[in-house]
Amino acid sequence: MLRSKPFTIGRLSGSVYDFEIAGDMLPMHEHDEVSNHVTVVARGSFRVRGSGWEQTLFAGDFIDFEPHDPHEFVAIEDRSRLVNFRKG
């Protein structure tokens, strides 16, 4: 089961996503210029897909999305975690 928790620390904001079991997913979506983000894999690993691309990310990796760039995340390991930092 996917759980999310928003955070704000001063001017920094984002969300923490916890994926309890392998196969949990954050379905394909996109963001505008205000909600666009950088994602850091804090724990575990993920298969990340977008429009015409796919890659695997591991703990410590990050990915920088452009506005309106569709993407989804699928946990490869139990107890995987993503942290999104908003850029807008």
PDB file of N, CA and C in Angstrom:
ATOM      1  N   MET A   1       0.834  -1.179   0.000  1.00  0.00           N
ATOM      2  CA  MET A   1       0.000   0.000   0.000  1.00  0.00           C
ATOM      3  C   MET A   1       0.882   1.248   0.000  1.00  0.00           C
ATOM      4  N   LEU A   2       0.591   2.157  -0.891  1.00  0.00           N
ATOM      5  CA  LEU A   2       1.345   3.400  -1.009  1.00  0.00           C
ATOM      6  C   LEU A   2       0.803   4.420  -0.016  1.00  0.00           C
ATOM      7  N   ARG A   3       1.722   5.059   0.721  1.00  0.00           N
ATOM      8  CA  ARG A   3       1.340   6.132   1.645  1.00  0.00           C
ATOM      9  C   ARG A   3       2.154   7.363   1.310  1.00  0.00           C
ATOM     10  N   SER A   4       1.527   8.538   1.408  1.00  0.00           N
ATOM     11  CA  SER A   4       2.264   9.771   1.157  1.00  0.00           C
ATOM     12  C   SER A   4       2.048  10.744   2.301  1.00  0.00           C
ATOM     13  N   LYS A   5       3.086  11.568   2.513  1.00  0.00           N
ATOM     14  CA  LYS A   5       3.027  12.567   3.575  1.00  0.00           C
ATOM     15  C   LYS A   5       3.698  13.840   3.071  1.00  0.00           C
ATOM     16  N   PRO A   6       2.933  14.935   2.951  1.00  0.00           N
ATOM     17  CA  PRO A   6       3.540  16.193   2.515  1.00  0.00           C
ATOM     18  C   PRO A   6       4.398  16.798   3.634  1.00  0.00           C
ATOM     19  N   PHE A   7       5.377  17.618   3.233  1.00  0.00           N
ATOM     20  CA  PHE A   7       6.180  18.323   4.234  1.00  0.00           C
ATOM     21  C   PHE A   7       6.493  19.731   3.731  1.00  0.00           C
ATOM     22  N   THR A   8       6.712  20.623   4.685  1.00  0.00           N
ATOM     23  CA  THR A   8       7.183  21.979   4.407  1.00  0.00           C
ATOM     24  C   THR A   8       8.201  22.325   5.473  1.00  0.00           C
ATOM     25  N   ILE A   9       9.378  22.746   5.024  1.00  0.00           N
ATOM     26  CA  ILE A   9      10.442  23.175   5.928  1.00  0.00           C
ATOM     27  C   ILE A   9      10.919  24.517   5.393  1.00  0.00           C
ATOM     28  N   GLY A  10      10.459  25.607   5.991  1.00  0.00           N
ATOM     29  CA  GLY A  10      10.777  26.928   5.455  1.00  0.00           C
ATOM     30  C   GLY A  10      10.192  27.060   4.058  1.00  0.00           C
ATOM     31  N   ARG A  11      11.049  27.391   3.077  1.00  0.00           N
ATOM     32  CA  ARG A  11      10.590  27.527   1.692  1.00  0.00           C
ATOM     33  C   ARG A  11      10.631  26.212   0.914  1.00  0.00           C
ATOM     34  N   LEU A  12      11.150  25.163   1.533  1.00  0.00           N
ATOM     35  CA  LEU A  12      11.255  23.843   0.897  1.00  0.00           C
ATOM     36  C   LEU A  12       9.984  23.041   1.171  1.00  0.00           C
ATOM     37  N   SER A  13       9.415  22.444   0.119  1.00  0.00           N
ATOM     38  CA  SER A  13       8.232  21.612   0.314  1.00  0.00           C
ATOM     39  C   SER A  13       8.291  20.409  -0.621  1.00  0.00           C
ATOM     40  N   GLY A  14       7.513  19.420  -0.289  1.00  0.00           N
ATOM     41  CA  GLY A  14       7.475  18.215  -1.100  1.00  0.00           C
ATOM     42  C   GLY A  14       6.640  17.153  -0.434  1.00  0.00           C
ATOM     43  N   SER A  15       6.932  15.908  -0.765  1.00  0.00           N
ATOM     44  CA  SER A  15       6.194  14.769  -0.220  1.00  0.00           C
ATOM     45  C   SER A  15       7.119  13.580  -0.071  1.00  0.00           C
ATOM     46  N   VAL A  16       6.840  12.782   0.942  1.00  0.00           N
ATOM     47  CA  VAL A  16       7.519  11.499   1.151  1.00  0.00           C
ATOM     48  C   VAL A  16       6.528  10.407   0.788  1.00  0.00           C
ATOM     49  N   TYR A  17       6.953   9.472  -0.051  1.00  0.00           N
ATOM     50  CA  TYR A  17       6.110   8.356  -0.481  1.00  0.00           C
ATOM     51  C   TYR A  17       6.734   7.060   0.008  1.00  0.00           C
ATOM     52  N   ASP A  18       5.954   6.300   0.793  1.00  0.00           N
ATOM     53  CA  ASP A  18       6.391   4.994   1.277  1.00  0.00           C
ATOM     54  C   ASP A  18       5.620   3.902   0.542  1.00  0.00           C
ATOM     55  N   PHE A  19       6.365   2.973  -0.061  1.00  0.00           N
ATOM     56  CA  PHE A  19       5.820   1.848  -0.801  1.00  0.00           C
ATOM     57  C   PHE A  19       6.072   0.610   0.060  1.00  0.00           C
ATOM     58  N   GLU A  20       5.038   0.091   0.682  1.00  0.00           N
ATOM     59  CA  GLU A  20       5.202  -0.995   1.654  1.00  0.00           C
ATOM     60  C   GLU A  20       5.694  -2.291   1.032  1.00  0.00           C
ATOM     61  N   ILE A  21       5.154  -2.654  -0.140  1.00  0.00           N
ATOM     62  CA  ILE A  21       5.544  -3.930  -0.746  1.00  0.00           C
ATOM     63  C   ILE A  21       5.962  -3.726  -2.205  1.00  0.00           C
ATOM     64  N   ALA A  22       6.846  -4.591  -2.665  1.00  0.00           N
ATOM     65  CA  ALA A  22       7.254  -4.571  -4.071  1.00  0.00           C
ATOM     66  C   ALA A  22       6.011  -4.677  -4.938  1.00  0.00           C
ATOM     67  N   GLY A  23       5.965  -3.871  -5.983  1.00  0.00           N
ATOM     68  CA  GLY A  23       4.813  -3.841  -6.869  1.00  0.00           C
ATOM     69  C   GLY A  23       3.877  -2.679  -6.607  1.00  0.00           C
ATOM     70  N   ASP A  24       3.974  -2.081  -5.390  1.00  0.00           N
ATOM     71  CA  ASP A  24       3.186  -0.858  -5.146  1.00  0.00           C
ATOM     72  C   ASP A  24       3.598   0.176  -6.179  1.00  0.00           C
ATOM     73  N   MET A  25       2.621   0.965  -6.640  1.00  0.00           N
ATOM     74  CA  MET A  25       2.956   1.906  -7.694  1.00  0.00           C
ATOM     75  C   MET A  25       2.299   3.257  -7.492  1.00  0.00           C
ATOM     76  N   LEU A  26       2.982   4.263  -8.014  1.00  0.00           N
ATOM     77  CA  LEU A  26       2.444   5.606  -8.161  1.00  0.00           C
ATOM     78  C   LEU A  26       2.159   5.724  -9.655  1.00  0.00           C
ATOM     79  N   PRO A  27       0.875   5.680 -10.056  1.00  0.00           N
ATOM     80  CA  PRO A  27       0.526   5.587 -11.480  1.00  0.00           C
ATOM     81  C   PRO A  27       0.995   6.785 -12.303  1.00  0.00           C
ATOM     82  N   MET A  28       1.001   6.588 -13.593  1.00  0.00           N
ATOM     83  CA  MET A  28       1.428   7.617 -14.543  1.00  0.00           C
ATOM     84  C   MET A  28       0.693   8.926 -14.262  1.00  0.00           C
ATOM     85  N   HIS A  29       1.468  10.005 -14.171  1.00  0.00           N
ATOM     86  CA  HIS A  29       0.928  11.332 -13.908  1.00  0.00           C
ATOM     87  C   HIS A  29       1.938  12.363 -14.391  1.00  0.00           C
ATOM     88  N   GLU A  30       1.561  13.618 -14.348  1.00  0.00           N
ATOM     89  CA  GLU A  30       2.482  14.696 -14.705  1.00  0.00           C
ATOM     90  C   GLU A  30       2.182  15.909 -13.840  1.00  0.00           C
ATOM     91  N   HIS A  31       3.093  16.856 -13.872  1.00  0.00           N
ATOM     92  CA  HIS A  31       2.980  18.051 -13.039  1.00  0.00           C
ATOM     93  C   HIS A  31       3.131  19.301 -13.896  1.00  0.00           C
ATOM     94  N   ASP A  32       2.531  20.375 -13.414  1.00  0.00           N
ATOM     95  CA  ASP A  32       2.706  21.653 -14.098  1.00  0.00           C
ATOM     96  C   ASP A  32       3.953  22.350 -13.555  1.00  0.00           C
ATOM     97  N   GLU A  33       4.171  23.590 -13.954  1.00  0.00           N
ATOM     98  CA  GLU A  33       5.375  24.328 -13.530  1.00  0.00           C
ATOM     99  C   GLU A  33       5.413  24.569 -12.023  1.00  0.00           C
ATOM    100  N   VAL A  34       4.262  24.657 -11.381  1.00  0.00           N
ATOM    101  CA  VAL A  34       4.199  24.923  -9.934  1.00  0.00           C
ATOM    102  C   VAL A  34       4.453  23.669  -9.111  1.00  0.00           C
ATOM    103  N   SER A  35       3.932  22.528  -9.562  1.00  0.00           N
ATOM    104  CA  SER A  35       4.057  21.292  -8.771  1.00  0.00           C
ATOM    105  C   SER A  35       5.178  20.374  -9.265  1.00  0.00           C
ATOM    106  N   ASN A  36       5.969  20.832 -10.223  1.00  0.00           N
ATOM    107  CA  ASN A  36       7.070  20.032 -10.764  1.00  0.00           C
ATOM    108  C   ASN A  36       8.084  19.704  -9.661  1.00  0.00           C
ATOM    109  N   HIS A  37       8.793  18.582  -9.786  1.00  0.00           N
ATOM    110  CA  HIS A  37       9.665  18.147  -8.694  1.00  0.00           C
ATOM    111  C   HIS A  37      10.907  17.396  -9.155  1.00  0.00           C
ATOM    112  N   VAL A  38      11.839  17.276  -8.213  1.00  0.00           N
ATOM    113  CA  VAL A  38      12.979  16.373  -8.295  1.00  0.00           C
ATOM    114  C   VAL A  38      12.660  15.235  -7.324  1.00  0.00           C
ATOM    115  N   THR A  39      12.934  13.994  -7.727  1.00  0.00           N
ATOM    116  CA  THR A  39      12.679  12.841  -6.867  1.00  0.00           C
ATOM    117  C   THR A  39      13.996  12.190  -6.466  1.00  0.00           C
ATOM    118  N   VAL A  40      14.121  11.894  -5.165  1.00  0.00           N
ATOM    119  CA  VAL A  40      15.283  11.193  -4.621  1.00  0.00           C
ATOM    120  C   VAL A  40      14.799   9.838  -4.084  1.00  0.00           C
ATOM    121  N   VAL A  41      15.513   8.775  -4.435  1.00  0.00           N
ATOM    122  CA  VAL A  41      15.206   7.462  -3.865  1.00  0.00           C
ATOM    123  C   VAL A  41      15.925   7.394  -2.514  1.00  0.00           C
ATOM    124  N   ALA A  42      15.132   7.426  -1.457  1.00  0.00           N
ATOM    125  CA  ALA A  42      15.694   7.416  -0.108  1.00  0.00           C
ATOM    126  C   ALA A  42      15.979   6.006   0.389  1.00  0.00           C
ATOM    127  N   ARG A  43      15.207   5.033  -0.121  1.00  0.00           N
ATOM    128  CA  ARG A  43      15.377   3.647   0.336  1.00  0.00           C
ATOM    129  C   ARG A  43      14.804   2.728  -0.734  1.00  0.00           C
ATOM    130  N   GLY A  44      15.449   1.598  -0.958  1.00  0.00           N
ATOM    131  CA  GLY A  44      14.935   0.599  -1.883  1.00  0.00           C
ATOM    132  C   GLY A  44      15.290   0.894  -3.325  1.00  0.00           C
ATOM    133  N   SER A  45      14.410   0.451  -4.232  1.00  0.00           N
ATOM    134  CA  SER A  45      14.645   0.647  -5.664  1.00  0.00           C
ATOM    135  C   SER A  45      13.310   0.711  -6.396  1.00  0.00           C
ATOM    136  N   PHE A  46      13.357   1.332  -7.586  1.00  0.00           N
ATOM    137  CA  PHE A  46      12.140   1.582  -8.354  1.00  0.00           C
ATOM    138  C   PHE A  46      12.384   1.403  -9.841  1.00  0.00           C
ATOM    139  N   ARG A  47      11.348   0.960 -10.537  1.00  0.00           N
ATOM    140  CA  ARG A  47      11.297   1.040 -11.983  1.00  0.00           C
ATOM    141  C   ARG A  47      10.511   2.311 -12.284  1.00  0.00           C
ATOM    142  N   VAL A  48      11.109   3.192 -13.057  1.00  0.00           N
ATOM    143  CA  VAL A  48      10.487   4.471 -13.393  1.00  0.00           C
ATOM    144  C   VAL A  48      10.234   4.483 -14.894  1.00  0.00           C
ATOM    145  N   ARG A  49       9.016   4.846 -15.269  1.00  0.00           N
ATOM    146  CA  ARG A  49       8.650   4.902 -16.685  1.00  0.00           C
ATOM    147  C   ARG A  49       8.113   6.278 -17.017  1.00  0.00           C
ATOM    148  N   GLY A  50       8.359   6.664 -18.257  1.00  0.00           N
ATOM    149  CA  GLY A  50       7.811   7.895 -18.788  1.00  0.00           C
ATOM    150  C   GLY A  50       7.360   7.666 -20.206  1.00  0.00           C
ATOM    151  N   SER A  51       7.158   8.735 -20.915  1.00  0.00           N
ATOM    152  CA  SER A  51       6.718   8.658 -22.294  1.00  0.00           C
ATOM    153  C   SER A  51       7.894   8.247 -23.176  1.00  0.00           C
ATOM    154  N   GLY A  52       7.985   6.949 -23.494  1.00  0.00           N
ATOM    155  CA  GLY A  52       9.040   6.436 -24.353  1.00  0.00           C
ATOM    156  C   GLY A  52      10.344   6.107 -23.657  1.00  0.00           C
ATOM    157  N   TRP A  53      10.369   6.050 -22.335  1.00  0.00           N
ATOM    158  CA  TRP A  53      11.603   5.700 -21.640  1.00  0.00           C
ATOM    159  C   TRP A  53      11.281   4.904 -20.367  1.00  0.00           C
ATOM    160  N   GLU A  54      12.288   4.184 -19.868  1.00  0.00           N
ATOM    161  CA  GLU A  54      12.200   3.428 -18.619  1.00  0.00           C
ATOM    162  C   GLU A  54      13.595   3.323 -18.037  1.00  0.00           C
ATOM    163  N   GLN A  55      13.704   3.400 -16.715  1.00  0.00           N
ATOM    164  CA  GLN A  55      14.986   3.177 -16.053  1.00  0.00           C
ATOM    165  C   GLN A  55      14.758   2.658 -14.646  1.00  0.00           C
ATOM    166  N   THR A  56      15.818   2.125 -14.057  1.00  0.00           N
ATOM    167  CA  THR A  56      15.783   1.622 -12.693  1.00  0.00           C
ATOM    168  C   THR A  56      16.600   2.565 -11.821  1.00  0.00           C
ATOM    169  N   LEU A  57      16.017   2.948 -10.689  1.00  0.00           N
ATOM    170  CA  LEU A  57      16.700   3.823  -9.737  1.00  0.00           C
ATOM    171  C   LEU A  57      16.868   3.091  -8.412  1.00  0.00           C
ATOM    172  N   PHE A  58      17.998   3.361  -7.747  1.00  0.00           N
ATOM    173  CA  PHE A  58      18.337   2.729  -6.475  1.00  0.00           C
ATOM    174  C   PHE A  58      18.543   3.808  -5.415  1.00  0.00           C
ATOM    175  N   ALA A  59      18.606   3.385  -4.152  1.00  0.00           N
ATOM    176  CA  ALA A  59      18.805   4.325  -3.051  1.00  0.00           C
ATOM    177  C   ALA A  59      19.975   5.252  -3.350  1.00  0.00           C
ATOM    178  N   GLY A  60      19.731   6.550  -3.205  1.00  0.00           N
ATOM    179  CA  GLY A  60      20.750   7.558  -3.473  1.00  0.00           C
ATOM    180  C   GLY A  60      20.631   8.176  -4.854  1.00  0.00           C
ATOM    181  N   ASP A  61      19.909   7.525  -5.773  1.00  0.00           N
ATOM    182  CA  ASP A  61      19.704   8.084  -7.112  1.00  0.00           C
ATOM    183  C   ASP A  61      18.631   9.162  -7.069  1.00  0.00           C
ATOM    184  N   PHE A  62      18.665  10.039  -8.053  1.00  0.00           N
ATOM    185  CA  PHE A  62      17.608  11.044  -8.179  1.00  0.00           C
ATOM    186  C   PHE A  62      17.284  11.242  -9.652  1.00  0.00           C
ATOM    187  N   ILE A  63      16.116  11.830  -9.898  1.00  0.00           N
ATOM    188  CA  ILE A  63      15.674  12.116 -11.256  1.00  0.00           C
ATOM    189  C   ILE A  63      14.987  13.480 -11.245  1.00  0.00           C
ATOM    190  N   ASP A  64      15.293  14.288 -12.234  1.00  0.00           N
ATOM    191  CA  ASP A  64      14.797  15.655 -12.341  1.00  0.00           C
ATOM    192  C   ASP A  64      13.791  15.712 -13.486  1.00  0.00           C
ATOM    193  N   PHE A  65      12.535  15.960 -13.172  1.00  0.00           N
ATOM    194  CA  PHE A  65      11.484  15.985 -14.179  1.00  0.00           C
ATOM    195  C   PHE A  65      11.254  17.391 -14.721  1.00  0.00           C
ATOM    196  N   GLU A  66      10.924  17.451 -15.997  1.00  0.00           N
ATOM    197  CA  GLU A  66      10.489  18.692 -16.631  1.00  0.00           C
ATOM    198  C   GLU A  66       8.975  18.812 -16.455  1.00  0.00           C
ATOM    199  N   PRO A  67       8.437  20.027 -16.458  1.00  0.00           N
ATOM    200  CA  PRO A  67       6.979  20.168 -16.388  1.00  0.00           C
ATOM    201  C   PRO A  67       6.308  19.394 -17.525  1.00  0.00           C
ATOM    202  N   HIS A  68       5.178  18.788 -17.203  1.00  0.00           N
ATOM    203  CA  HIS A  68       4.341  18.044 -18.156  1.00  0.00           C
ATOM    204  C   HIS A  68       5.036  16.792 -18.707  1.00  0.00           C
ATOM    205  N   ASP A  69       6.065  16.282 -18.002  1.00  0.00           N
ATOM    206  CA  ASP A  69       6.752  15.042 -18.376  1.00  0.00           C
ATOM    207  C   ASP A  69       6.057  13.889 -17.640  1.00  0.00           C
ATOM    208  N   PRO A  70       5.231  13.069 -18.324  1.00  0.00           N
ATOM    209  CA  PRO A  70       4.530  11.990 -17.630  1.00  0.00           C
ATOM    210  C   PRO A  70       5.514  10.960 -17.068  1.00  0.00           C
ATOM    211  N   HIS A  71       5.186  10.440 -15.879  1.00  0.00           N
ATOM    212  CA  HIS A  71       6.059   9.460 -15.234  1.00  0.00           C
ATOM    213  C   HIS A  71       5.276   8.640 -14.219  1.00  0.00           C
ATOM    214  N   GLU A  72       5.798   7.422 -13.937  1.00  0.00           N
ATOM    215  CA  GLU A  72       5.237   6.557 -12.907  1.00  0.00           C
ATOM    216  C   GLU A  72       6.368   5.827 -12.203  1.00  0.00           C
ATOM    217  N   PHE A  73       6.094   5.380 -10.985  1.00  0.00           N
ATOM    218  CA  PHE A  73       7.068   4.647 -10.177  1.00  0.00           C
ATOM    219  C   PHE A  73       6.463   3.327  -9.742  1.00  0.00           C
ATOM    220  N   VAL A  74       7.250   2.246  -9.825  1.00  0.00           N
ATOM    221  CA  VAL A  74       6.850   0.936  -9.315  1.00  0.00           C
ATOM    222  C   VAL A  74       7.973   0.462  -8.402  1.00  0.00           C
ATOM    223  N   ALA A  75       7.629   0.154  -7.146  1.00  0.00           N
ATOM    224  CA  ALA A  75       8.628  -0.331  -6.190  1.00  0.00           C
ATOM    225  C   ALA A  75       9.120  -1.718  -6.593  1.00  0.00           C
ATOM    226  N   ILE A  76      10.424  -1.902  -6.557  1.00  0.00           N
ATOM    227  CA  ILE A  76      11.022  -3.204  -6.836  1.00  0.00           C
ATOM    228  C   ILE A  76      11.246  -3.972  -5.532  1.00  0.00           C
ATOM    229  N   GLU A  77      11.462  -3.251  -4.443  1.00  0.00           N
ATOM    230  CA  GLU A  77      11.721  -3.859  -3.137  1.00  0.00           C
ATOM    231  C   GLU A  77      10.661  -3.429  -2.136  1.00  0.00           C
ATOM    232  N   ASP A  78      10.382  -4.279  -1.150  1.00  0.00           N
ATOM    233  CA  ASP A  78       9.537  -3.884  -0.025  1.00  0.00           C
ATOM    234  C   ASP A  78      10.173  -2.696   0.697  1.00  0.00           C
ATOM    235  N   ARG A  79       9.329  -1.890   1.311  1.00  0.00           N
ATOM    236  CA  ARG A  79       9.750  -0.754   2.145  1.00  0.00           C
ATOM    237  C   ARG A  79      10.595   0.278   1.384  1.00  0.00           C
ATOM    238  N   SER A  80      10.285   0.503   0.123  1.00  0.00           N
ATOM    239  CA  SER A  80      10.996   1.518  -0.659  1.00  0.00           C
ATOM    240  C   SER A  80      10.400   2.895  -0.379  1.00  0.00           C
ATOM    241  N   ARG A  81      11.226   3.921  -0.532  1.00  0.00           N
ATOM    242  CA  ARG A  81      10.777   5.298  -0.208  1.00  0.00           C
ATOM    243  C   ARG A  81      11.308   6.289  -1.231  1.00  0.00           C
ATOM    244  N   LEU A  82      10.418   7.191  -1.647  1.00  0.00           N
ATOM    245  CA  LEU A  82      10.778   8.328  -2.502  1.00  0.00           C
ATOM    246  C   LEU A  82      10.559   9.615  -1.740  1.00  0.00           C
ATOM    247  N   VAL A  83      11.383  10.613  -2.027  1.00  0.00           N
ATOM    248  CA  VAL A  83      11.163  11.958  -1.504  1.00  0.00           C
ATOM    249  C   VAL A  83      11.152  12.904  -2.697  1.00  0.00           C
ATOM    250  N   ASN A  84      10.034  13.629  -2.850  1.00  0.00           N
ATOM    251  CA  ASN A  84       9.899  14.618  -3.909  1.00  0.00           C
ATOM    252  C   ASN A  84      10.127  16.007  -3.339  1.00  0.00           C
ATOM    253  N   PHE A  85      10.946  16.789  -4.018  1.00  0.00           N
ATOM    254  CA  PHE A  85      11.194  18.179  -3.660  1.00  0.00           C
ATOM    255  C   PHE A  85      10.641  19.059  -4.775  1.00  0.00           C
ATOM    256  N   ARG A  86       9.671  19.906  -4.448  1.00  0.00           N
ATOM    257  CA  ARG A  86       9.068  20.771  -5.472  1.00  0.00           C
ATOM    258  C   ARG A  86      10.045  21.835  -5.927  1.00  0.00           C
ATOM    259  N   LYS A  87       9.999  22.111  -7.244  1.00  0.00           N
ATOM    260  CA  LYS A  87      10.869  23.116  -7.834  1.00  0.00           C
ATOM    261  C   LYS A  87      10.152  24.431  -8.089  1.00  0.00           C
ATOM    262  N   GLY A  88       8.805  24.414  -8.079  1.00  0.00           N
ATOM    263  CA  GLY A  88       8.036  25.606  -8.428  1.00  0.00           C
ATOM    264  C   GLY A  88       7.761  26.504  -7.261  1.00  0.00           C
TER     265      GLY A  88
END
